[in-house]
Amino acid sequence: EKEEVSKESKPNFKLTSLGRHLTGLPLDPRLGKLIIYSAIFGCLEPCLIIASILSDKSPFVHSYEKRDAARLAKRKFLWRKSDFLMYVKMYKTWRAFQQTHSTSEQYKFCEENFLSRRTLLSIEDTRKQLLGILLDAGFGGPKSSTKPKPRAMGKDVNTDVDVNVNVDVDVDVD
């Protein structure tokens, strides 16, 4: 026998605190969790960059004819064999260049590095929007640094030895 479910017997679901914060972010929930947790753990800036890039499109561009040159240019930003950290290094390098050079020099930089300036500007806007939402929700600000210093204890999965893992992902762009 099937029981009929009346409107009165519908379960009453409530959002968790995390769920309420996620609803305020214009992101896939997984990326929202990334930036909320990064704000809590003190590594917000690199995670904002990663989430902003993943919610947009890749800033790297190239034609089929120039694919080898594009790969070489992309290698300049490679960091610890991680695509995500490569995105952070590329974005920080571009931002540092953008702040000190003319628009025409910025276009040249992007062309030489096979980057889309338009996509980078869109990513920058997304990053600023997300940061604003987080600050309005009470994450970040004076008590929460975007320059991480925390250390986490864990086990190296390859050797089963306790290790200190430095979670600082700040990148020099000199």
C-alpha atoms as a PDB file:
ATOM      1  CA  GLU A   1       0.000   0.000   0.000  1.00  0.00           C
ATOM      2  CA  LYS A   2       1.168   3.519  -0.841  1.00  0.00           C
ATOM      3  CA  GLU A   3       0.712   6.264   1.645  1.00  0.00           C
ATOM      4  CA  GLU A   4      -0.462   9.579   0.391  1.00  0.00           C
ATOM      5  CA  VAL A   5       1.664  12.499   1.418  1.00  0.00           C
ATOM      6  CA  SER A   6      -0.283  15.583   2.294  1.00  0.00           C
ATOM      7  CA  LYS A   7       1.092  19.095   2.204  1.00  0.00           C
ATOM      8  CA  GLU A   8       1.048  19.165   5.980  1.00  0.00           C
ATOM      9  CA  SER A   9       3.310  16.122   6.265  1.00  0.00           C
ATOM     10  CA  LYS A  10       6.168  17.499   4.136  1.00  0.00           C
ATOM     11  CA  PRO A  11       9.429  17.505   6.040  1.00  0.00           C
ATOM     12  CA  ASN A  12      10.642  20.876   7.247  1.00  0.00           C
ATOM     13  CA  PHE A  13      14.217  21.288   6.019  1.00  0.00           C
ATOM     14  CA  LYS A  14      16.442  24.021   7.398  1.00  0.00           C
ATOM     15  CA  LEU A  15      19.659  25.289   5.906  1.00  0.00           C
ATOM     16  CA  THR A  16      22.833  24.968   7.911  1.00  0.00           C
ATOM     17  CA  SER A  17      24.922  28.068   8.606  1.00  0.00           C
ATOM     18  CA  LEU A  18      27.214  27.042   5.771  1.00  0.00           C
ATOM     19  CA  GLY A  19      24.231  26.559   3.465  1.00  0.00           C
ATOM     20  CA  ARG A  20      22.914  30.035   4.263  1.00  0.00           C
ATOM     21  CA  HIS A  21      26.289  31.571   3.367  1.00  0.00           C
ATOM     22  CA  LEU A  22      26.515  29.502   0.193  1.00  0.00           C
ATOM     23  CA  THR A  23      23.160  30.813  -1.027  1.00  0.00           C
ATOM     24  CA  GLY A  24      24.616  34.327  -0.996  1.00  0.00           C
ATOM     25  CA  LEU A  25      27.465  33.429  -3.322  1.00  0.00           C
ATOM     26  CA  PRO A  26      27.054  33.454  -7.109  1.00  0.00           C
ATOM     27  CA  LEU A  27      29.133  30.281  -7.407  1.00  0.00           C
ATOM     28  CA  ASP A  28      28.911  26.541  -7.649  1.00  0.00           C
ATOM     29  CA  PRO A  29      28.525  25.352  -4.020  1.00  0.00           C
ATOM     30  CA  ARG A  30      31.893  23.554  -4.133  1.00  0.00           C
ATOM     31  CA  LEU A  31      33.675  26.789  -5.049  1.00  0.00           C
ATOM     32  CA  GLY A  32      31.636  28.613  -2.416  1.00  0.00           C
ATOM     33  CA  LYS A  33      32.845  26.158   0.219  1.00  0.00           C
ATOM     34  CA  LEU A  34      36.403  26.691  -0.988  1.00  0.00           C
ATOM     35  CA  ILE A  35      36.314  30.424  -0.377  1.00  0.00           C
ATOM     36  CA  ILE A  36      34.327  30.260   2.867  1.00  0.00           C
ATOM     37  CA  TYR A  37      36.702  27.718   4.370  1.00  0.00           C
ATOM     38  CA  SER A  38      39.711  29.624   3.030  1.00  0.00           C
ATOM     39  CA  ALA A  39      38.457  32.750   4.825  1.00  0.00           C
ATOM     40  CA  ILE A  40      38.186  30.739   8.025  1.00  0.00           C
ATOM     41  CA  PHE A  41      41.647  29.170   7.652  1.00  0.00           C
ATOM     42  CA  GLY A  42      43.426  32.368   6.607  1.00  0.00           C
ATOM     43  CA  CYS A  43      44.265  31.607   2.972  1.00  0.00           C
ATOM     44  CA  LEU A  44      41.535  33.621   1.297  1.00  0.00           C
ATOM     45  CA  GLU A  45      43.418  35.453  -1.456  1.00  0.00           C
ATOM     46  CA  PRO A  46      44.796  32.456  -3.396  1.00  0.00           C
ATOM     47  CA  CYS A  47      41.479  30.622  -3.065  1.00  0.00           C
ATOM     48  CA  LEU A  48      39.550  33.678  -4.284  1.00  0.00           C
ATOM     49  CA  ILE A  49      41.779  33.721  -7.351  1.00  0.00           C
ATOM     50  CA  ILE A  50      41.279  30.004  -7.978  1.00  0.00           C
ATOM     51  CA  ALA A  51      37.503  30.172  -7.486  1.00  0.00           C
ATOM     52  CA  SER A  52      37.240  33.239  -9.733  1.00  0.00           C
ATOM     53  CA  ILE A  53      39.168  31.544 -12.530  1.00  0.00           C
ATOM     54  CA  LEU A  54      37.259  28.271 -12.209  1.00  0.00           C
ATOM     55  CA  SER A  55      33.932  30.130 -12.331  1.00  0.00           C
ATOM     56  CA  ASP A  56      34.984  31.894 -15.539  1.00  0.00           C
ATOM     57  CA  LYS A  57      37.040  30.469 -18.366  1.00  0.00           C
ATOM     58  CA  SER A  58      40.743  29.846 -18.659  1.00  0.00           C
ATOM     59  CA  PRO A  59      42.691  33.044 -19.216  1.00  0.00           C
ATOM     60  CA  PHE A  60      45.159  31.116 -21.387  1.00  0.00           C
ATOM     61  CA  VAL A  61      44.521  31.365 -25.111  1.00  0.00           C
ATOM     62  CA  HIS A  62      46.319  30.096 -28.174  1.00  0.00           C
ATOM     63  CA  SER A  63      45.801  29.043 -31.709  1.00  0.00           C
ATOM     64  CA  TYR A  64      46.589  25.585 -32.960  1.00  0.00           C
ATOM     65  CA  GLU A  65      49.570  26.959 -34.914  1.00  0.00           C
ATOM     66  CA  LYS A  66      51.159  28.477 -31.806  1.00  0.00           C
ATOM     67  CA  ARG A  67      50.413  25.688 -29.318  1.00  0.00           C
ATOM     68  CA  ASP A  68      54.108  24.955 -28.614  1.00  0.00           C
ATOM     69  CA  ALA A  69      54.896  28.606 -27.901  1.00  0.00           C
ATOM     70  CA  ALA A  70      51.780  28.798 -25.700  1.00  0.00           C
ATOM     71  CA  ARG A  71      52.916  25.758 -23.690  1.00  0.00           C
ATOM     72  CA  LEU A  72      56.320  27.357 -23.129  1.00  0.00           C
ATOM     73  CA  ALA A  73      54.727  30.621 -22.017  1.00  0.00           C
ATOM     74  CA  LYS A  74      52.421  28.750 -19.645  1.00  0.00           C
ATOM     75  CA  ARG A  75      55.406  26.968 -18.064  1.00  0.00           C
ATOM     76  CA  LYS A  76      56.691  30.318 -16.779  1.00  0.00           C
ATOM     77  CA  PHE A  77      53.805  30.272 -14.326  1.00  0.00           C
ATOM     78  CA  LEU A  78      54.067  26.614 -13.338  1.00  0.00           C
ATOM     79  CA  TRP A  79      54.444  26.217  -9.606  1.00  0.00           C
ATOM     80  CA  ARG A  80      54.822  22.918  -7.783  1.00  0.00           C
ATOM     81  CA  LYS A  81      53.212  21.006 -10.661  1.00  0.00           C
ATOM     82  CA  SER A  82      49.780  22.344  -9.719  1.00  0.00           C
ATOM     83  CA  ASP A  83      47.358  23.930 -12.164  1.00  0.00           C
ATOM     84  CA  PHE A  84      45.644  25.767  -9.315  1.00  0.00           C
ATOM     85  CA  LEU A  85      48.887  27.259  -7.990  1.00  0.00           C
ATOM     86  CA  MET A  86      49.878  28.087 -11.574  1.00  0.00           C
ATOM     87  CA  TYR A  87      46.658  30.120 -11.839  1.00  0.00           C
ATOM     88  CA  VAL A  88      47.539  31.964  -8.622  1.00  0.00           C
ATOM     89  CA  LYS A  89      51.072  32.747  -9.815  1.00  0.00           C
ATOM     90  CA  MET A  90      49.852  33.819 -13.266  1.00  0.00           C
ATOM     91  CA  TYR A  91      47.149  36.090 -11.807  1.00  0.00           C
ATOM     92  CA  LYS A  92      49.499  37.699  -9.272  1.00  0.00           C
ATOM     93  CA  THR A  93      52.136  38.229 -11.948  1.00  0.00           C
ATOM     94  CA  TRP A  94      49.576  39.832 -14.242  1.00  0.00           C
ATOM     95  CA  ARG A  95      48.186  42.040 -11.433  1.00  0.00           C
ATOM     96  CA  ALA A  96      51.665  43.272 -10.480  1.00  0.00           C
ATOM     97  CA  PHE A  97      52.398  44.034 -14.138  1.00  0.00           C
ATOM     98  CA  GLN A  98      49.023  45.704 -14.657  1.00  0.00           C
ATOM     99  CA  GLN A  99      49.537  48.073 -11.732  1.00  0.00           C
ATOM    100  CA  THR A 100      52.851  49.402 -13.028  1.00  0.00           C
ATOM    101  CA  HIS A 101      52.491  49.439 -16.819  1.00  0.00           C
ATOM    102  CA  SER A 102      50.466  51.225 -19.465  1.00  0.00           C
ATOM    103  CA  THR A 103      47.488  49.628 -21.190  1.00  0.00           C
ATOM    104  CA  SER A 104      49.470  49.031 -24.377  1.00  0.00           C
ATOM    105  CA  GLU A 105      52.227  47.301 -22.384  1.00  0.00           C
ATOM    106  CA  GLN A 106      49.576  45.189 -20.666  1.00  0.00           C
ATOM    107  CA  TYR A 107      48.228  44.045 -24.040  1.00  0.00           C
ATOM    108  CA  LYS A 108      51.760  43.147 -25.108  1.00  0.00           C
ATOM    109  CA  PHE A 109      52.341  41.219 -21.867  1.00  0.00           C
ATOM    110  CA  CYS A 110      49.133  39.268 -22.413  1.00  0.00           C
ATOM    111  CA  GLU A 111      50.004  38.538 -26.032  1.00  0.00           C
ATOM    112  CA  GLU A 112      53.515  37.336 -25.124  1.00  0.00           C
ATOM    113  CA  ASN A 113      52.117  35.100 -22.386  1.00  0.00           C
ATOM    114  CA  PHE A 114      49.111  33.873 -24.375  1.00  0.00           C
ATOM    115  CA  LEU A 115      46.659  35.423 -21.935  1.00  0.00           C
ATOM    116  CA  SER A 116      43.283  37.007 -22.612  1.00  0.00           C
ATOM    117  CA  ARG A 117      43.232  40.454 -21.024  1.00  0.00           C
ATOM    118  CA  ARG A 118      39.442  40.551 -21.261  1.00  0.00           C
ATOM    119  CA  THR A 119      39.158  37.248 -19.370  1.00  0.00           C
ATOM    120  CA  LEU A 120      41.661  38.425 -16.746  1.00  0.00           C
ATOM    121  CA  LEU A 121      39.640  41.598 -16.180  1.00  0.00           C
ATOM    122  CA  SER A 122      36.481  39.493 -15.832  1.00  0.00           C
ATOM    123  CA  ILE A 123      38.256  37.245 -13.322  1.00  0.00           C
ATOM    124  CA  GLU A 124      39.411  40.316 -11.410  1.00  0.00           C
ATOM    125  CA  ASP A 125      35.837  41.640 -11.263  1.00  0.00           C
ATOM    126  CA  THR A 126      34.587  38.262 -10.003  1.00  0.00           C
ATOM    127  CA  ARG A 127      37.320  38.167  -7.340  1.00  0.00           C
ATOM    128  CA  LYS A 128      36.387  41.655  -6.123  1.00  0.00           C
ATOM    129  CA  GLN A 129      32.672  40.779  -6.090  1.00  0.00           C
ATOM    130  CA  LEU A 130      33.278  37.593  -4.096  1.00  0.00           C
ATOM    131  CA  LEU A 131      35.529  39.416  -1.644  1.00  0.00           C
ATOM    132  CA  GLY A 132      32.858  42.071  -1.134  1.00  0.00           C
ATOM    133  CA  ILE A 133      30.202  39.435  -0.459  1.00  0.00           C
ATOM    134  CA  LEU A 134      32.458  37.675   2.045  1.00  0.00           C
ATOM    135  CA  LEU A 135      33.315  40.919   3.836  1.00  0.00           C
ATOM    136  CA  ASP A 136      29.615  41.854   4.001  1.00  0.00           C
ATOM    137  CA  ALA A 137      28.881  38.414   5.494  1.00  0.00           C
ATOM    138  CA  GLY A 138      31.504  38.945   8.196  1.00  0.00           C
ATOM    139  CA  PHE A 139      34.342  36.900   6.721  1.00  0.00           C
ATOM    140  CA  GLY A 140      37.727  38.535   6.316  1.00  0.00           C
ATOM    141  CA  GLY A 141      38.456  42.068   7.386  1.00  0.00           C
ATOM    142  CA  PRO A 142      40.945  43.155  10.062  1.00  0.00           C
ATOM    143  CA  LYS A 143      40.739  39.937  12.082  1.00  0.00           C
ATOM    144  CA  SER A 144      41.190  37.619   9.094  1.00  0.00           C
ATOM    145  CA  SER A 145      44.366  37.891   7.078  1.00  0.00           C
ATOM    146  CA  THR A 146      44.516  37.124   3.381  1.00  0.00           C
ATOM    147  CA  LYS A 147      48.196  36.278   3.914  1.00  0.00           C
ATOM    148  CA  PRO A 148      48.147  32.843   5.507  1.00  0.00           C
ATOM    149  CA  LYS A 149      50.453  31.744   8.296  1.00  0.00           C
ATOM    150  CA  PRO A 150      48.710  28.683   9.784  1.00  0.00           C
ATOM    151  CA  ARG A 151      50.293  25.253   9.884  1.00  0.00           C
ATOM    152  CA  ALA A 152      48.409  21.989   9.837  1.00  0.00           C
ATOM    153  CA  MET A 153      49.452  18.630  11.209  1.00  0.00           C
ATOM    154  CA  GLY A 154      48.972  15.613   9.030  1.00  0.00           C
ATOM    155  CA  LYS A 155      50.444  12.353   7.843  1.00  0.00           C
ATOM    156  CA  ASP A 156      52.403  11.999   4.663  1.00  0.00           C
ATOM    157  CA  VAL A 157      50.281   9.445   2.791  1.00  0.00           C
ATOM    158  CA  ASN A 158      53.362   8.027   1.073  1.00  0.00           C
ATOM    159  CA  THR A 159      55.448   7.419   4.190  1.00  0.00           C
ATOM    160  CA  ASP A 160      52.833   7.391   7.009  1.00  0.00           C
ATOM    161  CA  VAL A 161      55.029   9.845   8.938  1.00  0.00           C
ATOM    162  CA  ASP A 162      53.675  12.856  10.815  1.00  0.00           C
ATOM    163  CA  VAL A 163      54.660  16.059   9.068  1.00  0.00           C
ATOM    164  CA  ASN A 164      54.011  19.759   9.450  1.00  0.00           C
ATOM    165  CA  VAL A 165      52.361  21.065   6.319  1.00  0.00           C
ATOM    166  CA  ASN A 166      52.827  24.733   5.622  1.00  0.00           C
ATOM    167  CA  VAL A 167      49.637  25.962   3.985  1.00  0.00           C
ATOM    168  CA  ASP A 168      51.118  29.316   2.958  1.00  0.00           C
ATOM    169  CA  VAL A 169      50.637  29.663  -0.789  1.00  0.00           C
ATOM    170  CA  ASP A 170      51.804  33.240  -1.196  1.00  0.00           C
ATOM    171  CA  VAL A 171      53.702  33.691  -4.452  1.00  0.00           C
ATOM    172  CA  ASP A 172      56.630  35.967  -5.206  1.00  0.00           C
ATOM    173  CA  VAL A 173      56.141  37.689  -8.528  1.00  0.00           C
ATOM    174  CA  ASP A 174      59.568  39.342  -8.799  1.00  0.00           C
END
